[in-house]
Amino acid sequence: MTSSQPLEPVSAAGLDALAKLVRDAGALIMDIYATDFAVRGKEDASPVTEADEKAEALLLKGLSRLFPGIPVVAEEAVAAGGVPEAAEDQFWLVDPLDGTKEFISRNGEFTVNVALVRKGRPVAGVVYAPALERLFAGAQGLGAWMEQSGRRQAIQVRPVPEGGLTVVGSRSHGDADAMNAFLGGRKVAEFRSAGSSLKLCLVAAGEADLYPRLGRTMEWDIAAGHAVLAAAGGRVSLLDGRPMSYGKPGFENPHFVAEGKA
């Protein structure tokens, strides 16, 4: 698929409009969260709920209205067999409910993720954790910010504290041996578990320093958080130091590390 949209810089107004759309999807998810929702299995045995599907439909409609002409790669559409070829110039990556396992277990650590990818790099993204009422957004040239309790504040990565790194890892996909081997004796002050793409955002907000991911992820899982982290001064790279790219065949990621100034 191709995009006819000119590659203009993402504007502050455009990022605000995207944040509102993502908030709307989060509100819909919370309405379903409050019910006795059903859980089904997809072909890959991963769980899916009504919240995943309805939030994705809302996001697809909203992106088409706000940003016409830009293709969208969305998790549930791909899972249903609609695997598009990512546009070379720009496309959206959408995960309507990242952390479905967290949603099902009702621990609150699930997010809505939407990212704009250009030339293989995420240039704008919004991550919203509706149960926690925390929204993170960022774009190339605009910096990054977080909203909580109606208050918006700029965020950026921090220097590593003298006491050592705060390392974040996945609540649902932990592998302590692999993590310890990766850290290789580096000074760690704290290890924090978190669900979904919140891990990338914690690094972006200066609440953590390092997020090594030594397991399987898909592009829509991390692109929005990557965009926020990059806008906050951090980076996501492969274990050999090369930058993470998007639009890969199958949309599956290799192992990677997200870091602030670690």
Protein backbone atom coordinates (compact mmCIF):
# COMPACT_ATOMS: atom_id res chain seq x y z
CA MET A 1 0.00 0.00 0.00
CA THR A 2 1.15 3.53 -0.58
CA SER A 3 0.55 6.89 1.05
CA SER A 4 -0.35 10.03 -0.85
CA GLN A 5 0.05 12.28 2.18
CA PRO A 6 2.99 14.74 2.04
CA LEU A 7 5.57 14.18 4.75
CA GLU A 8 5.04 17.38 6.67
CA PRO A 9 6.29 17.71 10.26
CA VAL A 10 3.87 16.49 12.91
CA SER A 11 2.27 19.58 14.45
CA ALA A 12 1.40 20.19 18.07
CA ALA A 13 -2.26 20.39 17.05
CA GLY A 14 -1.98 17.07 15.24
CA LEU A 15 -0.43 15.42 18.29
CA ASP A 16 -3.18 16.86 20.51
CA ALA A 17 -5.84 15.51 18.12
CA LEU A 18 -4.20 12.11 18.20
CA ALA A 19 -4.09 12.18 22.01
CA LYS A 20 -7.82 12.97 22.16
CA LEU A 21 -8.60 10.08 19.82
CA VAL A 22 -6.54 7.70 21.95
CA ARG A 23 -8.31 8.95 25.07
CA ASP A 24 -11.66 8.19 23.42
CA ALA A 25 -10.50 4.64 22.75
CA GLY A 26 -9.39 4.36 26.37
CA ALA A 27 -12.81 5.49 27.61
CA LEU A 28 -14.48 2.81 25.48
CA ILE A 29 -12.10 0.21 26.90
CA MET A 30 -12.89 1.25 30.46
CA ASP A 31 -16.63 0.91 29.80
CA ILE A 32 -16.01 -2.73 28.82
CA TYR A 33 -13.51 -3.21 31.69
CA ALA A 34 -16.36 -2.54 34.11
CA THR A 35 -18.42 -5.43 32.68
CA ASP A 36 -18.17 -9.21 32.84
CA PHE A 37 -16.51 -9.36 29.42
CA ALA A 38 -15.76 -12.57 27.55
CA VAL A 39 -12.26 -13.72 26.56
CA ARG A 40 -11.59 -15.62 23.33
CA GLY A 41 -8.44 -17.10 21.82
CA LYS A 42 -6.93 -16.01 18.52
CA GLU A 43 -5.25 -18.39 16.08
CA ASP A 44 -1.91 -17.84 17.81
CA ALA A 45 -3.58 -18.74 21.14
CA SER A 46 -3.22 -15.19 22.48
CA PRO A 47 -6.33 -13.73 24.15
CA VAL A 48 -8.67 -11.15 22.62
CA THR A 49 -11.70 -9.35 24.00
CA GLU A 50 -14.48 -7.10 22.81
CA ALA A 51 -12.40 -4.18 24.07
CA ASP A 52 -9.56 -4.94 21.62
CA GLU A 53 -11.92 -5.08 18.66
CA LYS A 54 -14.13 -2.09 19.44
CA ALA A 55 -11.20 0.15 20.36
CA GLU A 56 -9.45 -0.74 17.11
CA ALA A 57 -12.57 0.10 15.09
CA LEU A 58 -12.81 3.49 16.83
CA LEU A 59 -9.13 4.23 16.19
CA LEU A 60 -9.26 3.22 12.52
CA LYS A 61 -12.27 5.45 11.91
CA GLY A 62 -10.67 8.36 13.77
CA LEU A 63 -7.31 8.10 12.02
CA SER A 64 -9.03 8.01 8.64
CA ARG A 65 -10.93 11.18 9.55
CA LEU A 66 -8.05 13.10 11.11
CA PHE A 67 -5.22 11.98 8.82
CA PRO A 68 -6.74 10.80 5.53
CA GLY A 69 -4.58 8.90 3.09
CA ILE A 70 -2.13 7.38 5.57
CA PRO A 71 -2.27 3.54 5.69
CA VAL A 72 -2.81 1.78 9.01
CA VAL A 73 -1.32 -1.46 10.31
CA ALA A 74 -3.47 -2.56 13.27
CA GLU A 75 -3.03 -5.62 15.46
CA GLU A 76 -6.49 -7.16 15.29
CA ALA A 77 -6.84 -6.57 11.55
CA VAL A 78 -3.53 -8.35 11.02
CA ALA A 79 -4.60 -11.20 13.34
CA ALA A 80 -7.77 -11.62 11.27
CA GLY A 81 -5.71 -12.14 8.14
CA GLY A 82 -5.55 -8.59 6.85
CA VAL A 83 -1.78 -8.39 6.70
CA PRO A 84 -0.92 -5.29 4.68
CA GLU A 85 2.40 -4.35 3.20
CA ALA A 86 3.69 -1.39 5.20
CA ALA A 87 4.05 1.82 3.24
CA GLU A 88 7.62 2.81 2.54
CA ASP A 89 7.13 6.48 3.35
CA GLN A 90 4.67 6.52 6.26
CA PHE A 91 2.03 4.45 8.02
CA TRP A 92 0.29 4.15 11.37
CA LEU A 93 0.93 1.32 13.82
CA VAL A 94 -2.01 0.65 16.14
CA ASP A 95 -2.32 -1.60 19.17
CA PRO A 96 -5.81 -0.90 20.51
CA LEU A 97 -5.20 -2.77 23.77
CA ASP A 98 -1.59 -3.55 24.57
CA GLY A 99 -1.47 -5.82 27.57
CA THR A 100 -4.65 -7.83 27.05
CA LYS A 101 -3.42 -10.21 29.76
CA GLU A 102 -3.19 -7.26 32.15
CA PHE A 103 -6.68 -6.18 31.09
CA ILE A 104 -8.03 -9.66 31.79
CA SER A 105 -6.28 -9.89 35.17
CA ARG A 106 -7.55 -6.37 35.95
CA ASN A 107 -4.27 -4.98 37.22
CA GLY A 108 -4.70 -1.73 35.30
CA GLU A 109 -1.40 -1.88 33.40
CA PHE A 110 -2.74 -1.97 29.86
CA THR A 111 -2.44 0.74 27.24
CA VAL A 112 -3.69 2.08 23.93
CA ASN A 113 -0.79 2.62 21.51
CA VAL A 114 -0.78 4.62 18.29
CA ALA A 115 2.39 5.61 16.40
CA LEU A 116 3.20 7.28 13.10
CA VAL A 117 6.14 5.64 11.32
CA ARG A 118 8.12 7.41 8.59
CA LYS A 119 10.99 5.85 6.66
CA GLY A 120 11.12 3.05 9.20
CA ARG A 121 11.28 5.31 12.28
CA PRO A 122 8.50 6.25 14.73
CA VAL A 123 8.14 10.05 14.57
CA ALA A 124 5.04 10.53 16.74
CA GLY A 125 3.24 8.42 19.29
CA VAL A 126 0.67 8.35 22.06
CA VAL A 127 0.48 5.77 24.85
CA TYR A 128 -2.52 5.92 27.19
CA ALA A 129 -3.08 3.82 30.29
CA PRO A 130 -6.78 4.53 30.94
CA ALA A 131 -7.07 2.63 34.23
CA LEU A 132 -4.09 4.56 35.60
CA GLU A 133 -5.16 7.82 33.93
CA ARG A 134 -1.66 8.39 32.55
CA LEU A 135 -1.13 9.54 28.97
CA PHE A 136 2.27 9.90 27.31
CA ALA A 137 2.84 11.62 23.98
CA GLY A 138 5.78 12.73 21.92
CA ALA A 139 6.81 13.70 18.42
CA GLN A 140 9.97 14.51 16.53
CA GLY A 141 10.74 18.19 17.01
CA LEU A 142 8.05 18.68 19.67
CA GLY A 143 9.49 16.87 22.68
CA ALA A 144 7.49 14.58 24.96
CA TRP A 145 4.91 15.11 27.67
CA MET A 146 2.77 13.27 30.17
CA GLU A 147 -0.75 14.04 31.33
CA GLN A 148 -2.11 12.86 34.66
CA SER A 149 -5.00 14.17 36.75
CA GLY A 150 -5.64 16.87 34.15
CA ARG A 151 -2.09 18.23 34.38
CA ARG A 152 0.39 18.18 31.50
CA GLN A 153 4.14 18.29 32.06
CA ALA A 154 7.14 17.92 29.81
CA ILE A 155 9.20 14.77 30.31
CA GLN A 156 12.73 13.74 29.41
CA VAL A 157 15.16 10.96 30.19
CA ARG A 158 17.41 11.35 33.22
CA PRO A 159 21.09 10.79 33.90
CA VAL A 160 21.69 7.49 35.67
CA PRO A 161 21.59 8.07 39.45
CA GLU A 162 24.77 7.43 41.42
CA GLY A 163 22.99 4.63 43.24
CA GLY A 164 22.59 2.66 40.03
CA LEU A 165 20.13 1.83 37.28
CA THR A 166 16.41 1.38 37.62
CA VAL A 167 15.64 -1.44 35.21
CA VAL A 168 12.12 -2.19 34.03
CA GLY A 169 10.90 -5.53 32.76
CA SER A 170 7.73 -7.23 31.70
CA ARG A 171 5.21 -8.45 34.24
CA SER A 172 3.89 -11.15 31.89
CA HIS A 173 7.06 -12.29 30.12
CA GLY A 174 9.86 -12.32 32.69
CA ASP A 175 13.13 -14.23 32.22
CA ALA A 176 15.38 -13.47 35.18
CA ASP A 177 18.37 -15.51 33.93
CA ALA A 178 18.44 -13.79 30.53
CA MET A 179 18.04 -10.39 32.17
CA ASN A 180 20.90 -10.99 34.60
CA ALA A 181 23.15 -12.19 31.80
CA PHE A 182 22.35 -9.09 29.76
CA LEU A 183 23.06 -6.71 32.64
CA GLY A 184 26.45 -8.34 33.10
CA GLY A 185 27.20 -7.01 36.57
CA ARG A 186 26.08 -3.42 35.95
CA LYS A 187 25.06 -1.59 39.11
CA VAL A 188 21.29 -1.90 39.53
CA ALA A 189 19.49 -0.01 42.27
CA GLU A 190 16.00 -1.28 41.52
CA PHE A 191 14.12 -3.62 39.24
CA ARG A 192 10.53 -2.67 38.41
CA SER A 193 7.92 -4.83 36.75
CA ALA A 194 5.36 -3.17 34.53
CA GLY A 195 2.87 -4.28 31.94
CA SER A 196 2.55 -3.33 28.31
CA SER A 197 4.32 -0.34 26.73
CA LEU A 198 4.42 1.54 30.04
CA LYS A 199 8.01 0.31 30.39
CA LEU A 200 9.20 2.51 27.52
CA CYS A 201 7.28 5.46 28.92
CA LEU A 202 8.79 5.05 32.39
CA VAL A 203 12.22 5.43 30.82
CA ALA A 204 11.02 8.45 28.82
CA ALA A 205 9.66 10.09 31.97
CA GLY A 206 12.91 9.65 33.89
CA GLU A 207 11.33 7.11 36.26
CA ALA A 208 13.59 4.32 34.99
CA ASP A 209 16.81 4.02 33.00
CA LEU A 210 16.85 0.76 31.06
CA TYR A 211 14.39 -1.68 29.54
CA PRO A 212 15.98 -4.75 27.94
CA ARG A 213 13.44 -6.84 26.04
CA LEU A 214 14.80 -10.33 25.49
CA GLY A 215 11.64 -11.89 24.14
CA ARG A 216 9.13 -11.66 21.32
CA THR A 217 7.31 -8.41 20.57
CA MET A 218 5.46 -7.02 17.59
CA GLU A 219 5.97 -3.59 16.07
CA TRP A 220 2.60 -2.27 17.29
CA ASP A 221 3.58 -3.23 20.85
CA ILE A 222 6.44 -0.76 21.06
CA ALA A 223 6.31 1.86 18.27
CA ALA A 224 4.28 4.44 20.21
CA GLY A 225 6.42 4.08 23.32
CA HIS A 226 9.53 4.26 21.13
CA ALA A 227 8.29 7.55 19.65
CA VAL A 228 7.69 9.00 23.12
CA LEU A 229 11.10 7.82 24.35
CA ALA A 230 12.90 9.23 21.31
CA ALA A 231 11.15 12.58 21.76
CA ALA A 232 12.25 12.55 25.42
CA GLY A 233 15.90 12.04 24.46
CA GLY A 234 16.20 8.26 24.67
CA ARG A 235 16.60 5.50 22.13
CA VAL A 236 15.64 1.94 21.22
CA SER A 237 18.30 -0.23 19.61
CA LEU A 238 18.98 -3.84 18.78
CA LEU A 239 21.40 -5.76 20.95
CA ASP A 240 24.18 -5.09 18.41
CA GLY A 241 23.59 -1.33 18.64
CA ARG A 242 21.71 -0.82 15.38
CA PRO A 243 18.54 1.30 15.63
CA MET A 244 15.17 -0.45 15.73
CA SER A 245 13.32 -0.13 12.42
CA TYR A 246 9.66 -0.61 11.52
CA GLY A 247 7.83 -2.03 8.53
CA LYS A 248 9.69 -5.35 8.75
CA PRO A 249 8.23 -8.45 7.06
CA GLY A 250 5.75 -9.97 9.53
CA PHE A 251 6.08 -6.92 11.84
CA GLU A 252 8.01 -8.96 14.44
CA ASN A 253 10.83 -7.37 16.43
CA PRO A 254 14.20 -8.84 17.36
CA HIS A 255 15.43 -8.48 20.94
CA PHE A 256 16.15 -4.87 21.86
CA VAL A 257 17.07 -2.46 24.62
CA ALA A 258 15.37 0.85 25.40
CA GLU A 259 17.41 3.34 27.35
CA GLY A 260 17.58 6.88 28.52
CA LYS A 261 21.16 7.89 29.29
CA ALA A 262 22.12 4.48 30.61
